[in-house]
Amino acid sequence: MVKIIIVTQRCTMGAEVAIAMMVVGTVVSAYGQYQAGQAQKRAHEYNAKIAEQNAQIAKDQAAYEAERQKKRTRAMLAKQRVGYGASGIVSNTGTALDMLRNTMMDGEMDRMAILYGGDVEAVNQRAKAASERMQGKSAAMAGKFGAASTLLSGAGSAGYKYKQGQHLGMF
């Protein structure tokens, strides 16, 4: 009889340890899922910040290029006026005036196109930033749900094993 009690005692301790390990493993796994979601969220936030910086860079670069285009247009107009003056053509009438006007309009259209391109790129980068933030929130939420799911399924499994052990007389 004594030997049977000792064997039963050992089974009981082994079963308790196994269930305790199952619970600890479940908690560790749930915590890992939560932390993975948080890490993904941080990564997406970082990407969003980079996209916001890229949006500002696009705007600044477009402004710089637009200013350069404005200077090129002024230089071209000055060269045309000098050329007309050297040729004896009056530049404020007729074809000469039309050519100067066309040069000025083309230059301004180019300048506006550069600014528009910068605005489009900035909008695209801000949209990317918003998407990254949304993905970060989703990843964090998925981590939380994954952790909760792991905790619930682990608790259910441990409870089931405990009930089985009770039924077999291990507890």
N, C-alpha and C. Protein backbone atom coordinates (compact mmCIF):
# COMPACT_ATOMS: atom_id res chain seq x y z
N MET A 1 0.79 -1.20 0.00
CA MET A 1 0.00 0.00 0.00
C MET A 1 0.84 1.27 0.00
N VAL A 2 1.89 1.26 0.76
CA VAL A 2 2.74 2.44 0.85
C VAL A 2 3.32 2.77 -0.51
N LYS A 3 3.72 1.75 -1.24
CA LYS A 3 4.31 2.01 -2.55
C LYS A 3 3.29 2.65 -3.48
N ILE A 4 2.09 2.26 -3.45
CA ILE A 4 1.04 2.83 -4.31
C ILE A 4 0.80 4.29 -3.96
N ILE A 5 0.79 4.60 -2.70
CA ILE A 5 0.59 5.98 -2.26
C ILE A 5 1.73 6.87 -2.75
N ILE A 6 2.94 6.39 -2.67
CA ILE A 6 4.10 7.15 -3.11
C ILE A 6 4.03 7.38 -4.62
N VAL A 7 3.66 6.34 -5.36
CA VAL A 7 3.53 6.49 -6.81
C VAL A 7 2.44 7.49 -7.13
N THR A 8 1.32 7.41 -6.44
CA THR A 8 0.24 8.36 -6.66
C THR A 8 0.69 9.76 -6.29
N GLN A 9 1.43 9.88 -5.21
CA GLN A 9 1.96 11.18 -4.77
C GLN A 9 2.86 11.77 -5.87
N ARG A 10 3.73 10.94 -6.46
CA ARG A 10 4.63 11.42 -7.51
C ARG A 10 3.83 11.85 -8.74
N CYS A 11 2.82 11.13 -9.11
CA CYS A 11 1.98 11.49 -10.26
C CYS A 11 1.29 12.81 -10.00
N THR A 12 0.82 12.98 -8.77
CA THR A 12 0.13 14.22 -8.44
C THR A 12 1.08 15.40 -8.57
N MET A 13 2.28 15.28 -8.03
CA MET A 13 3.26 16.36 -8.13
C MET A 13 3.65 16.61 -9.58
N GLY A 14 3.84 15.56 -10.35
CA GLY A 14 4.20 15.72 -11.76
C GLY A 14 3.09 16.39 -12.54
N ALA A 15 1.84 16.02 -12.26
CA ALA A 15 0.70 16.62 -12.95
C ALA A 15 0.57 18.10 -12.57
N GLU A 16 0.77 18.40 -11.30
CA GLU A 16 0.68 19.80 -10.87
C GLU A 16 1.77 20.64 -11.53
N VAL A 17 2.97 20.10 -11.58
CA VAL A 17 4.08 20.80 -12.22
C VAL A 17 3.79 20.99 -13.71
N ALA A 18 3.27 19.97 -14.35
CA ALA A 18 2.96 20.06 -15.78
C ALA A 18 1.90 21.13 -16.04
N ILE A 19 0.87 21.16 -15.21
CA ILE A 19 -0.17 22.18 -15.39
C ILE A 19 0.38 23.56 -15.11
N ALA A 20 1.21 23.69 -14.07
CA ALA A 20 1.83 24.98 -13.76
C ALA A 20 2.70 25.43 -14.92
N MET A 21 3.46 24.52 -15.50
CA MET A 21 4.30 24.87 -16.65
C MET A 21 3.45 25.27 -17.85
N MET A 22 2.31 24.61 -18.03
CA MET A 22 1.40 24.95 -19.11
C MET A 22 0.89 26.38 -18.93
N VAL A 23 0.54 26.72 -17.69
CA VAL A 23 0.04 28.07 -17.40
C VAL A 23 1.14 29.10 -17.63
N VAL A 24 2.33 28.83 -17.14
CA VAL A 24 3.44 29.76 -17.32
C VAL A 24 3.76 29.91 -18.81
N GLY A 25 3.80 28.81 -19.53
CA GLY A 25 4.06 28.87 -20.97
C GLY A 25 3.00 29.69 -21.69
N THR A 26 1.76 29.54 -21.28
CA THR A 26 0.67 30.31 -21.89
C THR A 26 0.86 31.81 -21.63
N VAL A 27 1.19 32.16 -20.41
CA VAL A 27 1.39 33.57 -20.07
C VAL A 27 2.58 34.15 -20.84
N VAL A 28 3.66 33.41 -20.91
CA VAL A 28 4.84 33.87 -21.64
C VAL A 28 4.51 34.05 -23.12
N SER A 29 3.80 33.10 -23.69
CA SER A 29 3.41 33.19 -25.10
C SER A 29 2.51 34.40 -25.34
N ALA A 30 1.55 34.61 -24.44
CA ALA A 30 0.64 35.76 -24.58
C ALA A 30 1.41 37.07 -24.49
N TYR A 31 2.35 37.13 -23.55
CA TYR A 31 3.15 38.34 -23.40
C TYR A 31 3.99 38.57 -24.66
N GLY A 32 4.53 37.52 -25.22
CA GLY A 32 5.30 37.63 -26.46
C GLY A 32 4.46 38.16 -27.60
N GLN A 33 3.23 37.70 -27.72
CA GLN A 33 2.35 38.19 -28.78
C GLN A 33 2.04 39.67 -28.59
N TYR A 34 1.79 40.04 -27.35
CA TYR A 34 1.51 41.45 -27.05
C TYR A 34 2.73 42.30 -27.42
N GLN A 35 3.92 41.88 -27.00
CA GLN A 35 5.13 42.65 -27.28
C GLN A 35 5.43 42.71 -28.78
N ALA A 36 5.15 41.63 -29.49
CA ALA A 36 5.36 41.63 -30.95
C ALA A 36 4.46 42.67 -31.61
N GLY A 37 3.21 42.75 -31.16
CA GLY A 37 2.29 43.76 -31.68
C GLY A 37 2.78 45.17 -31.39
N GLN A 38 3.29 45.37 -30.18
CA GLN A 38 3.81 46.69 -29.82
C GLN A 38 5.05 47.05 -30.64
N ALA A 39 5.91 46.06 -30.88
CA ALA A 39 7.11 46.30 -31.69
C ALA A 39 6.72 46.66 -33.12
N GLN A 40 5.73 45.98 -33.67
CA GLN A 40 5.27 46.31 -35.02
C GLN A 40 4.69 47.72 -35.05
N LYS A 41 3.96 48.07 -34.00
CA LYS A 41 3.39 49.41 -33.94
C LYS A 41 4.51 50.45 -33.94
N ARG A 42 5.54 50.23 -33.14
CA ARG A 42 6.67 51.17 -33.09
C ARG A 42 7.35 51.27 -34.46
N ALA A 43 7.50 50.15 -35.14
CA ALA A 43 8.12 50.16 -36.47
C ALA A 43 7.28 50.97 -37.45
N HIS A 44 5.98 50.80 -37.40
CA HIS A 44 5.10 51.55 -38.30
C HIS A 44 5.11 53.04 -37.95
N GLU A 45 5.18 53.37 -36.67
CA GLU A 45 5.27 54.78 -36.26
C GLU A 45 6.56 55.41 -36.79
N TYR A 46 7.64 54.65 -36.71
CA TYR A 46 8.92 55.14 -37.24
C TYR A 46 8.80 55.40 -38.75
N ASN A 47 8.21 54.45 -39.47
CA ASN A 47 8.02 54.61 -40.92
C ASN A 47 7.13 55.82 -41.22
N ALA A 48 6.13 56.05 -40.37
CA ALA A 48 5.25 57.21 -40.56
C ALA A 48 6.03 58.51 -40.38
N LYS A 49 6.92 58.55 -39.40
CA LYS A 49 7.73 59.75 -39.19
C LYS A 49 8.64 60.00 -40.38
N ILE A 50 9.21 58.94 -40.91
CA ILE A 50 10.07 59.07 -42.09
C ILE A 50 9.27 59.61 -43.27
N ALA A 51 8.06 59.10 -43.46
CA ALA A 51 7.21 59.56 -44.56
C ALA A 51 6.85 61.04 -44.38
N GLU A 52 6.57 61.46 -43.14
CA GLU A 52 6.29 62.87 -42.89
C GLU A 52 7.50 63.74 -43.22
N GLN A 53 8.68 63.27 -42.85
CA GLN A 53 9.90 64.01 -43.18
C GLN A 53 10.09 64.07 -44.69
N ASN A 54 9.80 62.96 -45.38
CA ASN A 54 9.93 62.94 -46.83
C ASN A 54 8.94 63.92 -47.48
N ALA A 55 7.77 64.06 -46.88
CA ALA A 55 6.79 65.02 -47.41
C ALA A 55 7.35 66.43 -47.32
N GLN A 56 7.95 66.76 -46.19
CA GLN A 56 8.52 68.10 -46.03
C GLN A 56 9.70 68.31 -46.97
N ILE A 57 10.50 67.28 -47.13
CA ILE A 57 11.64 67.37 -48.05
C ILE A 57 11.15 67.62 -49.48
N ALA A 58 10.08 66.92 -49.88
CA ALA A 58 9.54 67.10 -51.23
C ALA A 58 9.07 68.54 -51.43
N LYS A 59 8.40 69.09 -50.42
CA LYS A 59 7.93 70.48 -50.52
C LYS A 59 9.12 71.44 -50.61
N ASP A 60 10.12 71.24 -49.75
CA ASP A 60 11.28 72.12 -49.74
C ASP A 60 12.06 72.03 -51.05
N GLN A 61 12.23 70.81 -51.54
CA GLN A 61 12.97 70.62 -52.79
C GLN A 61 12.23 71.26 -53.95
N ALA A 62 10.90 71.12 -53.97
CA ALA A 62 10.11 71.73 -55.04
C ALA A 62 10.21 73.25 -54.98
N ALA A 63 10.17 73.81 -53.77
CA ALA A 63 10.29 75.26 -53.64
C ALA A 63 11.66 75.73 -54.15
N TYR A 64 12.68 74.99 -53.82
CA TYR A 64 14.04 75.33 -54.28
C TYR A 64 14.12 75.26 -55.81
N GLU A 65 13.62 74.18 -56.38
CA GLU A 65 13.66 74.02 -57.84
C GLU A 65 12.79 75.07 -58.54
N ALA A 66 11.67 75.43 -57.93
CA ALA A 66 10.80 76.45 -58.51
C ALA A 66 11.50 77.81 -58.53
N GLU A 67 12.23 78.11 -57.46
CA GLU A 67 12.99 79.36 -57.41
C GLU A 67 14.09 79.36 -58.48
N ARG A 68 14.74 78.22 -58.66
CA ARG A 68 15.76 78.12 -59.71
C ARG A 68 15.13 78.32 -61.09
N GLN A 69 13.95 77.77 -61.30
CA GLN A 69 13.25 77.93 -62.58
C GLN A 69 12.90 79.39 -62.81
N LYS A 70 12.48 80.07 -61.76
CA LYS A 70 12.14 81.49 -61.86
C LYS A 70 13.38 82.30 -62.29
N LYS A 71 14.52 81.97 -61.73
CA LYS A 71 15.77 82.66 -62.09
C LYS A 71 16.17 82.35 -63.53
N ARG A 72 15.98 81.09 -63.95
CA ARG A 72 16.29 80.74 -65.35
C ARG A 72 15.40 81.51 -66.32
N THR A 73 14.14 81.66 -65.96
CA THR A 73 13.21 82.39 -66.83
C THR A 73 13.61 83.86 -66.92
N ARG A 74 13.96 84.45 -65.79
CA ARG A 74 14.40 85.86 -65.81
C ARG A 74 15.66 86.02 -66.66
N ALA A 75 16.57 85.06 -66.52
CA ALA A 75 17.80 85.13 -67.31
C ALA A 75 17.49 85.01 -68.80
N MET A 76 16.58 84.12 -69.14
CA MET A 76 16.20 83.94 -70.55
C MET A 76 15.53 85.20 -71.09
N LEU A 77 14.67 85.82 -70.30
CA LEU A 77 14.02 87.06 -70.73
C LEU A 77 15.05 88.18 -70.93
N ALA A 78 16.01 88.26 -70.03
CA ALA A 78 17.06 89.28 -70.15
C ALA A 78 17.88 89.06 -71.43
N LYS A 79 18.23 87.81 -71.70
CA LYS A 79 18.99 87.51 -72.92
C LYS A 79 18.19 87.89 -74.17
N GLN A 80 16.88 87.60 -74.14
CA GLN A 80 16.05 87.95 -75.30
C GLN A 80 16.01 89.47 -75.49
N ARG A 81 15.83 90.20 -74.39
CA ARG A 81 15.78 91.67 -74.51
C ARG A 81 17.10 92.23 -75.04
N VAL A 82 18.21 91.70 -74.53
CA VAL A 82 19.53 92.15 -75.00
C VAL A 82 19.67 91.84 -76.49
N GLY A 83 19.24 90.64 -76.88
CA GLY A 83 19.33 90.26 -78.30
C GLY A 83 18.48 91.16 -79.18
N TYR A 84 17.27 91.45 -78.71
CA TYR A 84 16.41 92.34 -79.49
C TYR A 84 17.03 93.74 -79.58
N GLY A 85 17.54 94.21 -78.45
CA GLY A 85 18.15 95.56 -78.43
C GLY A 85 19.35 95.63 -79.35
N ALA A 86 20.18 94.59 -79.34
CA ALA A 86 21.38 94.57 -80.18
C ALA A 86 21.00 94.53 -81.66
N SER A 87 19.85 93.94 -81.96
CA SER A 87 19.41 93.83 -83.36
C SER A 87 18.62 95.05 -83.80
N GLY A 88 18.34 95.94 -82.87
CA GLY A 88 17.57 97.13 -83.22
C GLY A 88 16.07 96.89 -83.19
N ILE A 89 15.64 95.76 -82.63
CA ILE A 89 14.21 95.44 -82.57
C ILE A 89 13.65 96.02 -81.27
N VAL A 90 12.51 96.66 -81.38
CA VAL A 90 11.83 97.20 -80.19
C VAL A 90 11.10 96.01 -79.53
N SER A 91 11.43 95.75 -78.26
CA SER A 91 10.92 94.54 -77.61
C SER A 91 9.56 94.70 -76.93
N ASN A 92 9.01 95.91 -76.93
CA ASN A 92 7.73 96.08 -76.25
C ASN A 92 6.55 96.19 -77.21
N THR A 93 6.75 95.71 -78.44
CA THR A 93 5.65 95.69 -79.42
C THR A 93 5.76 94.44 -80.30
N GLY A 94 4.65 94.07 -80.92
CA GLY A 94 4.61 93.05 -81.95
C GLY A 94 5.13 91.68 -81.54
N THR A 95 5.84 91.05 -82.50
CA THR A 95 6.34 89.69 -82.34
C THR A 95 7.33 89.58 -81.19
N ALA A 96 8.18 90.56 -81.04
CA ALA A 96 9.17 90.53 -79.95
C ALA A 96 8.45 90.48 -78.60
N LEU A 97 7.42 91.29 -78.44
CA LEU A 97 6.66 91.30 -77.19
C LEU A 97 5.95 89.96 -77.00
N ASP A 98 5.41 89.41 -78.08
CA ASP A 98 4.75 88.09 -77.99
C ASP A 98 5.75 87.01 -77.57
N MET A 99 6.95 87.06 -78.10
CA MET A 99 7.98 86.07 -77.74
C MET A 99 8.37 86.20 -76.26
N LEU A 100 8.54 87.43 -75.81
CA LEU A 100 8.86 87.65 -74.39
C LEU A 100 7.73 87.14 -73.49
N ARG A 101 6.51 87.43 -73.90
CA ARG A 101 5.34 86.99 -73.13
C ARG A 101 5.27 85.45 -73.09
N ASN A 102 5.53 84.80 -74.22
CA ASN A 102 5.52 83.34 -74.27
C ASN A 102 6.62 82.74 -73.39
N THR A 103 7.79 83.34 -73.44
CA THR A 103 8.89 82.87 -72.60
C THR A 103 8.51 82.99 -71.13
N MET A 104 7.92 84.12 -70.76
CA MET A 104 7.53 84.34 -69.38
C MET A 104 6.44 83.34 -68.95
N MET A 105 5.46 83.12 -69.82
CA MET A 105 4.38 82.18 -69.48
C MET A 105 4.90 80.75 -69.38
N ASP A 106 5.75 80.35 -70.31
CA ASP A 106 6.32 79.01 -70.26
C ASP A 106 7.15 78.80 -68.99
N GLY A 107 7.94 79.82 -68.66
CA GLY A 107 8.75 79.73 -67.45
C GLY A 107 7.89 79.63 -66.20
N GLU A 108 6.82 80.40 -66.17
CA GLU A 108 5.92 80.36 -65.01
C GLU A 108 5.16 79.02 -64.94
N MET A 109 4.78 78.50 -66.09
CA MET A 109 4.11 77.19 -66.12
C MET A 109 5.06 76.10 -65.61
N ASP A 110 6.32 76.18 -66.01
CA ASP A 110 7.31 75.21 -65.52
C ASP A 110 7.48 75.33 -64.01
N ARG A 111 7.55 76.57 -63.53
CA ARG A 111 7.69 76.80 -62.08
C ARG A 111 6.49 76.23 -61.32
N MET A 112 5.31 76.46 -61.84
CA MET A 112 4.09 75.95 -61.18
C MET A 112 4.04 74.42 -61.23
N ALA A 113 4.50 73.84 -62.34
CA ALA A 113 4.52 72.38 -62.45
C ALA A 113 5.48 71.77 -61.42
N ILE A 114 6.60 72.44 -61.20
CA ILE A 114 7.55 71.96 -60.19
C ILE A 114 6.91 72.01 -58.80
N LEU A 115 6.26 73.11 -58.48
CA LEU A 115 5.59 73.23 -57.18
C LEU A 115 4.47 72.18 -57.03
N TYR A 116 3.72 72.00 -58.11
CA TYR A 116 2.64 71.01 -58.08
C TYR A 116 3.20 69.61 -57.85
N GLY A 117 4.30 69.28 -58.53
CA GLY A 117 4.93 67.98 -58.32
C GLY A 117 5.37 67.78 -56.88
N GLY A 118 5.90 68.83 -56.27
CA GLY A 118 6.27 68.76 -54.86
C GLY A 118 5.06 68.55 -53.96
N ASP A 119 3.96 69.24 -54.30
CA ASP A 119 2.73 69.07 -53.51
C ASP A 119 2.19 67.65 -53.64
N VAL A 120 2.21 67.11 -54.85
CA VAL A 120 1.72 65.75 -55.06
C VAL A 120 2.56 64.75 -54.28
N GLU A 121 3.88 64.91 -54.34
CA GLU A 121 4.77 64.00 -53.60
C GLU A 121 4.54 64.13 -52.10
N ALA A 122 4.33 65.34 -51.63
CA ALA A 122 4.07 65.55 -50.19
C ALA A 122 2.77 64.88 -49.78
N VAL A 123 1.74 65.02 -50.60
CA VAL A 123 0.46 64.37 -50.30
C VAL A 123 0.62 62.85 -50.27
N ASN A 124 1.36 62.32 -51.24
CA ASN A 124 1.59 60.87 -51.28
C ASN A 124 2.34 60.40 -50.03
N GLN A 125 3.34 61.16 -49.61
CA GLN A 125 4.11 60.78 -48.43
C GLN A 125 3.25 60.88 -47.16
N ARG A 126 2.39 61.88 -47.09
CA ARG A 126 1.51 62.00 -45.92
C ARG A 126 0.47 60.87 -45.90
N ALA A 127 0.01 60.47 -47.07
CA ALA A 127 -0.91 59.33 -47.14
C ALA A 127 -0.20 58.06 -46.69
N LYS A 128 1.06 57.92 -47.08
CA LYS A 128 1.84 56.77 -46.64
C LYS A 128 2.01 56.79 -45.12
N ALA A 129 2.25 57.97 -44.57
CA ALA A 129 2.39 58.10 -43.11
C ALA A 129 1.10 57.69 -42.41
N ALA A 130 -0.03 58.13 -42.94
CA ALA A 130 -1.32 57.77 -42.34
C ALA A 130 -1.55 56.26 -42.42
N SER A 131 -1.19 55.68 -43.55
CA SER A 131 -1.32 54.23 -43.72
C SER A 131 -0.44 53.48 -42.72
N GLU A 132 0.79 53.96 -42.54
CA GLU A 132 1.70 53.33 -41.58
C GLU A 132 1.13 53.40 -40.17
N ARG A 133 0.56 54.55 -39.81
CA ARG A 133 -0.03 54.68 -38.47
C ARG A 133 -1.20 53.72 -38.29
N MET A 134 -2.02 53.61 -39.32
CA MET A 134 -3.16 52.71 -39.26
C MET A 134 -2.69 51.26 -39.13
N GLN A 135 -1.66 50.88 -39.89
CA GLN A 135 -1.12 49.53 -39.79
C GLN A 135 -0.52 49.29 -38.41
N GLY A 136 0.10 50.31 -37.83
CA GLY A 136 0.66 50.18 -36.49
C GLY A 136 -0.42 49.93 -35.46
N LYS A 137 -1.51 50.67 -35.56
CA LYS A 137 -2.63 50.46 -34.63
C LYS A 137 -3.22 49.06 -34.80
N SER A 138 -3.33 48.62 -36.05
CA SER A 138 -3.85 47.28 -36.31
C SER A 138 -2.93 46.20 -35.75
N ALA A 139 -1.63 46.39 -35.90
CA ALA A 139 -0.67 45.41 -35.39
C ALA A 139 -0.73 45.35 -33.87
N ALA A 140 -0.85 46.51 -33.22
CA ALA A 140 -0.95 46.53 -31.77
C ALA A 140 -2.23 45.83 -31.31
N MET A 141 -3.32 46.09 -32.01
CA MET A 141 -4.59 45.45 -31.65
C MET A 141 -4.52 43.95 -31.89
N ALA A 142 -3.90 43.55 -32.99
CA ALA A 142 -3.75 42.11 -33.27
C ALA A 142 -2.91 41.44 -32.19
N GLY A 143 -1.88 42.13 -31.72
CA GLY A 143 -1.06 41.58 -30.63
C GLY A 143 -1.88 41.40 -29.36
N LYS A 144 -2.73 42.37 -29.08
CA LYS A 144 -3.58 42.27 -27.88
C LYS A 144 -4.58 41.12 -28.01
N PHE A 145 -5.22 41.03 -29.17
CA PHE A 145 -6.19 39.94 -29.37
C PHE A 145 -5.50 38.59 -29.37
N GLY A 146 -4.31 38.52 -29.97
CA GLY A 146 -3.55 37.27 -29.97
C GLY A 146 -3.19 36.86 -28.55
N ALA A 147 -2.77 37.83 -27.74
CA ALA A 147 -2.42 37.54 -26.35
C ALA A 147 -3.66 37.07 -25.58
N ALA A 148 -4.77 37.75 -25.77
CA ALA A 148 -6.00 37.36 -25.08
C ALA A 148 -6.44 35.97 -25.50
N SER A 149 -6.36 35.69 -26.79
CA SER A 149 -6.74 34.38 -27.30
C SER A 149 -5.85 33.29 -26.71
N THR A 150 -4.56 33.56 -26.65
CA THR A 150 -3.62 32.58 -26.08
C THR A 150 -3.93 32.34 -24.61
N LEU A 151 -4.21 33.42 -23.88
CA LEU A 151 -4.54 33.27 -22.45
C LEU A 151 -5.81 32.46 -22.26
N LEU A 152 -6.82 32.74 -23.06
CA LEU A 152 -8.08 32.03 -22.92
C LEU A 152 -7.95 30.56 -23.30
N SER A 153 -7.29 30.29 -24.42
CA SER A 153 -7.14 28.89 -24.84
C SER A 153 -6.23 28.14 -23.88
N GLY A 154 -5.19 28.80 -23.40
CA GLY A 154 -4.29 28.17 -22.43
C GLY A 154 -4.98 27.88 -21.12
N ALA A 155 -5.80 28.83 -20.65
CA ALA A 155 -6.55 28.62 -19.40
C ALA A 155 -7.55 27.48 -19.58
N GLY A 156 -8.20 27.46 -20.72
CA GLY A 156 -9.15 26.37 -20.99
C GLY A 156 -8.46 25.03 -21.03
N SER A 157 -7.31 24.98 -21.68
CA SER A 157 -6.56 23.74 -21.78
C SER A 157 -6.06 23.29 -20.41
N ALA A 158 -5.54 24.24 -19.62
CA ALA A 158 -5.06 23.88 -18.28
C ALA A 158 -6.22 23.42 -17.40
N GLY A 159 -7.35 24.09 -17.52
CA GLY A 159 -8.54 23.68 -16.75
C GLY A 159 -9.00 22.29 -17.14
N TYR A 160 -8.98 22.01 -18.41
CA TYR A 160 -9.37 20.68 -18.89
C TYR A 160 -8.42 19.62 -18.36
N LYS A 161 -7.13 19.90 -18.42
CA LYS A 161 -6.14 18.93 -17.91
C LYS A 161 -6.32 18.74 -16.40
N TYR A 162 -6.62 19.80 -15.70
CA TYR A 162 -6.83 19.70 -14.26
C TYR A 162 -8.06 18.82 -13.97
N LYS A 163 -9.12 19.04 -14.70
CA LYS A 163 -10.34 18.23 -14.52
C LYS A 163 -10.06 16.76 -14.84
N GLN A 164 -9.27 16.52 -15.90
CA GLN A 164 -8.90 15.14 -16.23
C GLN A 164 -8.13 14.52 -15.08
N GLY A 165 -7.21 15.30 -14.51
CA GLY A 165 -6.43 14.81 -13.39
C GLY A 165 -7.30 14.53 -12.17
N GLN A 166 -8.30 15.37 -11.94
CA GLN A 166 -9.22 15.13 -10.84
C GLN A 166 -10.01 13.84 -11.06
N HIS A 167 -10.45 13.67 -12.29
CA HIS A 167 -11.23 12.49 -12.63
C HIS A 167 -10.41 11.22 -12.45
N LEU A 168 -9.12 11.30 -12.75
CA LEU A 168 -8.24 10.14 -12.60
C LEU A 168 -7.71 10.02 -11.17
N GLY A 169 -8.09 10.95 -10.32
CA GLY A 169 -7.67 10.90 -8.92
C GLY A 169 -6.26 11.42 -8.68
N MET A 170 -5.77 12.24 -9.59
CA MET A 170 -4.41 12.77 -9.45
C MET A 170 -4.38 13.99 -8.54
N PHE A 171 -5.51 14.63 -8.34
CA PHE A 171 -5.57 15.81 -7.47
C PHE A 171 -6.57 15.58 -6.35
